[in-house]
Amino acid sequence: MISTLSFVSVSDLVIGLSLGSRLFLIAVGLSLIFGVLGVLNFAHGALYMIGAYLALAFTTQVIDNFWIGVVAGAIGVGVIGVLIEVGTIRPLYDRVEADLDQLIVTFGFVLVIHEVVRFVWGSQPYSTPAPDALAFSVSVSGSTFSAYRLFVIVAALVVMAALWLFIRRTYFGALVRGTSSDREMASMLGVDVPRLYTGVFFLGSFLAGLGGALSAPLQSTSPALGEQVIIDAFIIVVIGGLGSMFGAFVGAMFVGLMQAIGPSFIAAGHIAIPFLAMVLVLLVRPEGLFGGLGE
């Protein structure tokens, strides 16, 4: 074991943590939407992909500023999420088979979004350069990695802290927690539940778009971008616990590290270890390692 660990470099750890940071942004949005709305959004990976494409489009065709492109792309995805929720998911909340209907609708949007992306941008991959301020390398203990990867890790930590403060310390956050516990009681107390749901769906979609936008300089942007990431996101929320922000963070970092250093332990470790961890968690704690919105 010690000899194996010696082959894990600082660069591998940074790559794993930066991947986990991007996965956290999509997983926490997925977990938040499920925790409040009870909607398991299969289109979340497609929204992540759109975030990368919109950031690319804003940066290269609208305004030559990477940071504005990232924010604009994330907001654009949030707006798309609102349109999906208001137009197609909201009418399904009170149906007897609402869960199944929502799964079918969100899966349908996966197909629609992929075809729209192929029509607009084609199937070829695009590359996005890192912003000039972070376009340099950092060397630690003989390992070299890009400064932008460190920025992504810090960004995920900032988002985690901001979300915790938002959910635990604001009036809107209190409404979100109360509605996630008892929708009917919240409605009886005067909470505009449909509008609250729309706000939560916007936030979850915004986070997915932000993750996709931040991923653009680290990997090729293509229509396949959302396919693997949604599988990883589901593994993360199962490990961490649906509805748990802290669980999403822990699960994302674990999966990200296994993606980077898993092959050092097992040949297909980047695939096998996260799935094995998910199975073990389901056997021991079916609700996930952590539970409850905002924990």
Protein backbone atom coordinates (compact mmCIF):
# COMPACT_ATOMS: atom_id res chain seq x y z
CA MET A 1 0.00 0.00 0.00
CA ILE A 2 2.79 2.43 0.91
CA SER A 3 4.63 1.75 -2.34
CA THR A 4 1.40 2.32 -4.27
CA LEU A 5 0.75 5.62 -2.50
CA SER A 6 4.23 6.77 -3.44
CA PHE A 7 3.11 6.78 -7.09
CA VAL A 8 0.29 9.20 -6.34
CA SER A 9 1.68 12.64 -7.11
CA VAL A 10 0.54 16.06 -5.93
CA SER A 11 -0.54 16.70 -9.50
CA ASP A 12 -2.84 13.65 -9.39
CA LEU A 13 -4.38 14.88 -6.15
CA VAL A 14 -4.97 18.37 -7.56
CA ILE A 15 -6.50 16.92 -10.72
CA GLY A 16 -8.77 14.71 -8.62
CA LEU A 17 -9.85 17.57 -6.36
CA SER A 18 -10.50 19.88 -9.32
CA LEU A 19 -12.62 17.18 -10.96
CA GLY A 20 -14.43 16.64 -7.67
CA SER A 21 -15.04 20.38 -7.45
CA ARG A 22 -16.75 20.44 -10.84
CA LEU A 23 -18.75 17.34 -9.95
CA PHE A 24 -19.80 18.97 -6.69
CA LEU A 25 -21.40 21.88 -8.55
CA ILE A 26 -23.61 19.59 -10.63
CA ALA A 27 -24.28 17.11 -7.81
CA VAL A 28 -25.28 19.73 -5.24
CA GLY A 29 -27.74 21.25 -7.71
CA LEU A 30 -29.19 17.82 -8.44
CA SER A 31 -29.41 17.06 -4.71
CA LEU A 32 -30.98 20.44 -3.93
CA ILE A 33 -33.70 20.03 -6.56
CA PHE A 34 -34.53 16.54 -5.35
CA GLY A 35 -34.42 17.51 -1.69
CA VAL A 36 -36.95 20.32 -2.13
CA LEU A 37 -39.02 19.43 -5.20
CA GLY A 38 -38.69 15.65 -5.11
CA VAL A 39 -37.70 15.77 -8.79
CA LEU A 40 -34.87 13.51 -9.94
CA ASN A 41 -33.76 15.61 -12.90
CA PHE A 42 -32.20 13.44 -15.60
CA ALA A 43 -31.61 16.56 -17.72
CA HIS A 44 -29.14 17.93 -15.17
CA GLY A 45 -26.14 16.58 -17.09
CA ALA A 46 -27.42 18.21 -20.27
CA LEU A 47 -27.71 21.52 -18.40
CA TYR A 48 -24.08 21.10 -17.31
CA MET A 49 -23.14 20.66 -20.97
CA ILE A 50 -25.10 23.76 -22.01
CA GLY A 51 -23.23 25.76 -19.38
CA ALA A 52 -19.95 24.93 -21.11
CA TYR A 53 -21.33 25.80 -24.55
CA LEU A 54 -22.90 29.08 -23.43
CA ALA A 55 -19.70 30.16 -21.67
CA LEU A 56 -17.78 29.33 -24.86
CA ALA A 57 -20.27 31.30 -26.98
CA PHE A 58 -20.29 34.36 -24.72
CA THR A 59 -16.50 34.36 -24.44
CA THR A 60 -15.71 33.96 -28.13
CA GLN A 61 -18.65 35.62 -29.88
CA VAL A 62 -20.24 38.18 -27.52
CA ILE A 63 -17.65 39.58 -25.14
CA ASP A 64 -13.97 38.68 -24.90
CA ASN A 65 -14.02 38.10 -21.15
CA PHE A 66 -13.88 34.62 -19.66
CA TRP A 67 -15.36 35.57 -16.26
CA ILE A 68 -18.35 37.36 -17.72
CA GLY A 69 -18.84 34.40 -20.05
CA VAL A 70 -18.89 31.98 -17.10
CA VAL A 71 -21.45 34.03 -15.16
CA ALA A 72 -23.59 34.66 -18.25
CA GLY A 73 -23.50 30.97 -19.17
CA ALA A 74 -24.55 29.91 -15.67
CA ILE A 75 -27.40 32.45 -15.61
CA GLY A 76 -28.49 31.33 -19.08
CA VAL A 77 -28.70 27.73 -17.88
CA GLY A 78 -30.66 28.88 -14.83
CA VAL A 79 -33.18 30.57 -17.11
CA ILE A 80 -33.45 27.41 -19.24
CA GLY A 81 -34.08 25.45 -16.05
CA VAL A 82 -36.88 27.84 -15.08
CA LEU A 83 -38.52 27.39 -18.48
CA ILE A 84 -38.33 23.60 -18.11
CA GLU A 85 -39.76 23.67 -14.58
CA VAL A 86 -42.57 26.14 -15.25
CA GLY A 87 -43.54 24.79 -18.64
CA THR A 88 -43.35 21.03 -18.17
CA ILE A 89 -42.63 19.93 -14.59
CA ARG A 90 -44.91 22.20 -12.56
CA PRO A 91 -48.11 20.78 -14.13
CA LEU A 92 -47.02 17.30 -12.99
CA TYR A 93 -46.59 17.92 -9.23
CA ASP A 94 -50.11 16.89 -8.25
CA ARG A 95 -50.44 13.86 -10.51
CA VAL A 96 -50.74 10.39 -9.00
CA GLU A 97 -47.78 9.13 -11.03
CA ALA A 98 -45.85 12.40 -10.74
CA ASP A 99 -42.45 10.78 -10.10
CA LEU A 100 -42.60 8.61 -13.21
CA ASP A 101 -43.94 11.46 -15.34
CA GLN A 102 -41.15 13.76 -14.18
CA LEU A 103 -38.50 11.16 -15.00
CA ILE A 104 -39.91 10.72 -18.50
CA VAL A 105 -40.13 14.47 -19.10
CA THR A 106 -36.60 15.23 -17.89
CA PHE A 107 -35.19 12.31 -19.88
CA GLY A 108 -36.98 13.68 -22.94
CA PHE A 109 -35.21 17.00 -22.40
CA VAL A 110 -31.87 15.18 -22.48
CA LEU A 111 -32.62 14.10 -26.05
CA VAL A 112 -34.00 17.50 -27.06
CA ILE A 113 -31.07 19.45 -25.62
CA HIS A 114 -28.50 17.16 -27.24
CA GLU A 115 -30.11 17.56 -30.65
CA VAL A 116 -30.32 21.34 -30.27
CA VAL A 117 -26.65 21.49 -29.31
CA ARG A 118 -25.66 19.36 -32.31
CA PHE A 119 -27.75 21.58 -34.59
CA VAL A 120 -26.22 24.82 -33.28
CA TRP A 121 -22.61 23.83 -32.60
CA GLY A 122 -22.21 20.52 -34.43
CA SER A 123 -20.65 17.36 -33.02
CA GLN A 124 -17.00 18.46 -33.09
CA PRO A 125 -15.27 19.22 -29.79
CA TYR A 126 -14.29 22.77 -28.85
CA SER A 127 -11.48 23.93 -26.59
CA THR A 128 -11.58 26.97 -24.33
CA PRO A 129 -8.34 28.56 -23.09
CA ALA A 130 -7.92 29.33 -19.40
CA PRO A 131 -8.21 33.02 -18.49
CA ASP A 132 -4.97 34.96 -18.86
CA ALA A 133 -4.74 35.64 -15.11
CA LEU A 134 -4.55 31.88 -14.43
CA ALA A 135 -2.74 30.72 -17.57
CA PHE A 136 0.37 29.55 -15.75
CA SER A 137 1.61 26.39 -14.05
CA VAL A 138 2.38 25.70 -10.41
CA SER A 139 5.10 23.28 -9.27
CA VAL A 140 4.94 21.53 -5.91
CA SER A 141 7.22 18.65 -4.83
CA GLY A 142 8.25 18.03 -8.42
CA SER A 143 4.65 17.93 -9.70
CA THR A 144 3.28 20.52 -12.11
CA PHE A 145 -0.35 21.49 -12.58
CA SER A 146 -2.25 24.49 -13.87
CA ALA A 147 -3.19 27.36 -11.57
CA TYR A 148 -6.70 27.22 -13.01
CA ARG A 149 -7.26 23.84 -11.35
CA LEU A 150 -6.50 25.40 -7.98
CA PHE A 151 -8.97 28.17 -8.75
CA VAL A 152 -11.72 25.62 -9.47
CA ILE A 153 -11.09 23.93 -6.11
CA VAL A 154 -11.27 27.25 -4.28
CA ALA A 155 -14.42 28.19 -6.23
CA ALA A 156 -16.14 24.98 -5.09
CA LEU A 157 -15.25 25.70 -1.46
CA VAL A 158 -16.64 29.23 -1.80
CA VAL A 159 -19.86 27.92 -3.36
CA MET A 160 -20.22 25.34 -0.58
CA ALA A 161 -19.83 28.00 2.11
CA ALA A 162 -22.21 30.40 0.32
CA LEU A 163 -24.85 27.70 -0.10
CA TRP A 164 -24.63 26.72 3.57
CA LEU A 165 -25.05 30.33 4.65
CA PHE A 166 -27.91 30.80 2.18
CA ILE A 167 -29.81 27.73 3.36
CA ARG A 168 -29.12 28.13 7.09
CA ARG A 169 -29.03 31.90 7.58
CA THR A 170 -31.52 33.53 5.20
CA TYR A 171 -35.29 33.83 5.21
CA PHE A 172 -35.53 32.23 1.78
CA GLY A 173 -33.33 29.39 3.00
CA ALA A 174 -35.68 28.85 5.95
CA LEU A 175 -38.60 28.64 3.51
CA VAL A 176 -36.67 26.15 1.41
CA ARG A 177 -35.97 23.93 4.43
CA GLY A 178 -39.52 24.17 5.68
CA THR A 179 -41.05 23.39 2.31
CA SER A 180 -38.74 20.42 1.81
CA SER A 181 -40.02 18.99 5.11
CA ASP A 182 -43.75 19.63 4.63
CA ARG A 183 -45.03 21.17 1.41
CA GLU A 184 -48.69 21.20 2.48
CA MET A 185 -47.98 22.92 5.80
CA ALA A 186 -45.81 25.54 4.08
CA SER A 187 -48.61 26.25 1.62
CA MET A 188 -51.14 26.60 4.46
CA LEU A 189 -48.84 29.12 6.14
CA GLY A 190 -48.90 31.32 3.06
CA VAL A 191 -45.72 30.25 1.28
CA ASP A 192 -45.96 30.57 -2.51
CA VAL A 193 -44.77 27.01 -3.07
CA PRO A 194 -44.80 27.06 -6.91
CA ARG A 195 -42.68 30.22 -6.98
CA LEU A 196 -40.33 28.76 -4.36
CA TYR A 197 -39.96 25.60 -6.42
CA THR A 198 -39.11 27.67 -9.47
CA GLY A 199 -36.47 29.57 -7.50
CA VAL A 200 -34.90 26.34 -6.28
CA PHE A 201 -34.92 24.88 -9.80
CA PHE A 202 -33.20 28.05 -11.05
CA LEU A 203 -30.53 27.74 -8.36
CA GLY A 204 -29.92 24.05 -9.07
CA SER A 205 -29.73 24.68 -12.81
CA PHE A 206 -27.47 27.71 -12.27
CA LEU A 207 -25.04 25.53 -10.30
CA ALA A 208 -25.02 22.88 -13.04
CA GLY A 209 -24.33 25.60 -15.63
CA LEU A 210 -21.58 27.05 -13.45
CA GLY A 211 -19.93 23.64 -13.20
CA GLY A 212 -20.08 23.21 -16.96
CA ALA A 213 -18.75 26.71 -17.62
CA LEU A 214 -15.82 26.22 -15.26
CA SER A 215 -15.05 22.84 -16.85
CA ALA A 216 -14.59 24.31 -20.34
CA PRO A 217 -10.84 25.14 -20.00
CA LEU A 218 -10.13 21.72 -18.47
CA GLN A 219 -11.74 19.42 -21.03
CA SER A 220 -13.18 19.47 -24.53
CA THR A 221 -16.68 20.83 -24.89
CA SER A 222 -18.79 18.39 -26.92
CA PRO A 223 -22.33 16.97 -26.92
CA ALA A 224 -21.05 13.97 -24.92
CA LEU A 225 -19.93 16.19 -22.02
CA GLY A 226 -23.07 15.66 -19.96
CA GLU A 227 -23.41 11.89 -20.45
CA GLN A 228 -20.72 10.65 -18.05
CA VAL A 229 -21.05 13.52 -15.62
CA ILE A 230 -24.71 12.75 -14.84
CA ILE A 231 -23.75 9.16 -13.94
CA ASP A 232 -21.05 10.47 -11.61
CA ALA A 233 -23.53 12.97 -10.14
CA PHE A 234 -26.03 10.22 -9.31
CA ILE A 235 -23.28 8.17 -7.64
CA ILE A 236 -22.29 11.22 -5.60
CA VAL A 237 -25.79 12.04 -4.36
CA VAL A 238 -26.42 8.38 -3.47
CA ILE A 239 -23.17 8.22 -1.48
CA GLY A 240 -23.67 11.57 0.20
CA GLY A 241 -27.42 11.39 0.61
CA LEU A 242 -30.11 12.97 -1.55
CA GLY A 243 -30.81 16.46 -0.28
CA SER A 244 -27.51 16.86 1.63
CA MET A 245 -25.15 19.62 0.48
CA PHE A 246 -22.29 18.42 2.69
CA GLY A 247 -22.88 14.88 1.46
CA ALA A 248 -22.67 16.10 -2.14
CA PHE A 249 -19.34 17.79 -1.35
CA VAL A 250 -17.83 14.73 0.34
CA GLY A 251 -19.13 12.37 -2.35
CA ALA A 252 -17.88 14.61 -5.17
CA MET A 253 -14.37 14.85 -3.74
CA PHE A 254 -14.26 11.08 -3.24
CA VAL A 255 -15.40 10.35 -6.81
CA GLY A 256 -13.06 13.00 -8.24
CA LEU A 257 -10.07 11.57 -6.39
CA MET A 258 -10.95 8.04 -7.47
CA GLN A 259 -11.21 9.20 -11.08
CA ALA A 260 -7.66 10.55 -10.80
CA ILE A 261 -5.84 8.05 -8.56
CA GLY A 262 -8.08 4.96 -8.67
CA PRO A 263 -6.07 3.30 -11.48
CA SER A 264 -3.00 3.42 -9.18
CA PHE A 265 -4.74 0.86 -6.94
CA ILE A 266 -6.98 -1.09 -9.34
CA ALA A 267 -6.74 -1.23 -13.13
CA ALA A 268 -10.27 0.10 -13.62
CA GLY A 269 -10.37 1.82 -10.24
CA HIS A 270 -11.73 5.10 -11.56
CA ILE A 271 -14.92 3.23 -12.50
CA ALA A 272 -15.03 0.32 -10.05
CA ILE A 273 -14.25 2.06 -6.75
CA PRO A 274 -17.03 4.73 -6.89
CA PHE A 275 -19.62 2.11 -7.89
CA LEU A 276 -18.41 -0.23 -5.15
CA ALA A 277 -18.61 2.60 -2.62
CA MET A 278 -22.15 3.38 -3.74
CA VAL A 279 -23.23 -0.25 -3.32
CA LEU A 280 -21.69 -0.47 0.15
CA VAL A 281 -23.37 2.76 1.23
CA LEU A 282 -26.73 1.53 -0.05
CA LEU A 283 -26.32 -1.70 1.92
CA VAL A 284 -25.31 0.01 5.17
CA ARG A 285 -27.11 3.37 4.95
CA PRO A 286 -29.74 3.43 2.16
CA GLU A 287 -30.36 7.14 2.86
CA GLY A 288 -26.70 7.98 2.21
CA LEU A 289 -23.85 8.97 4.52
CA PHE A 290 -25.48 12.29 5.37
CA GLY A 291 -29.10 13.26 5.41
CA GLY A 292 -31.26 16.34 5.41
CA LEU A 293 -31.22 19.53 3.43
CA GLY A 294 -28.53 21.91 4.49
CA GLU A 295 -26.52 19.41 6.50
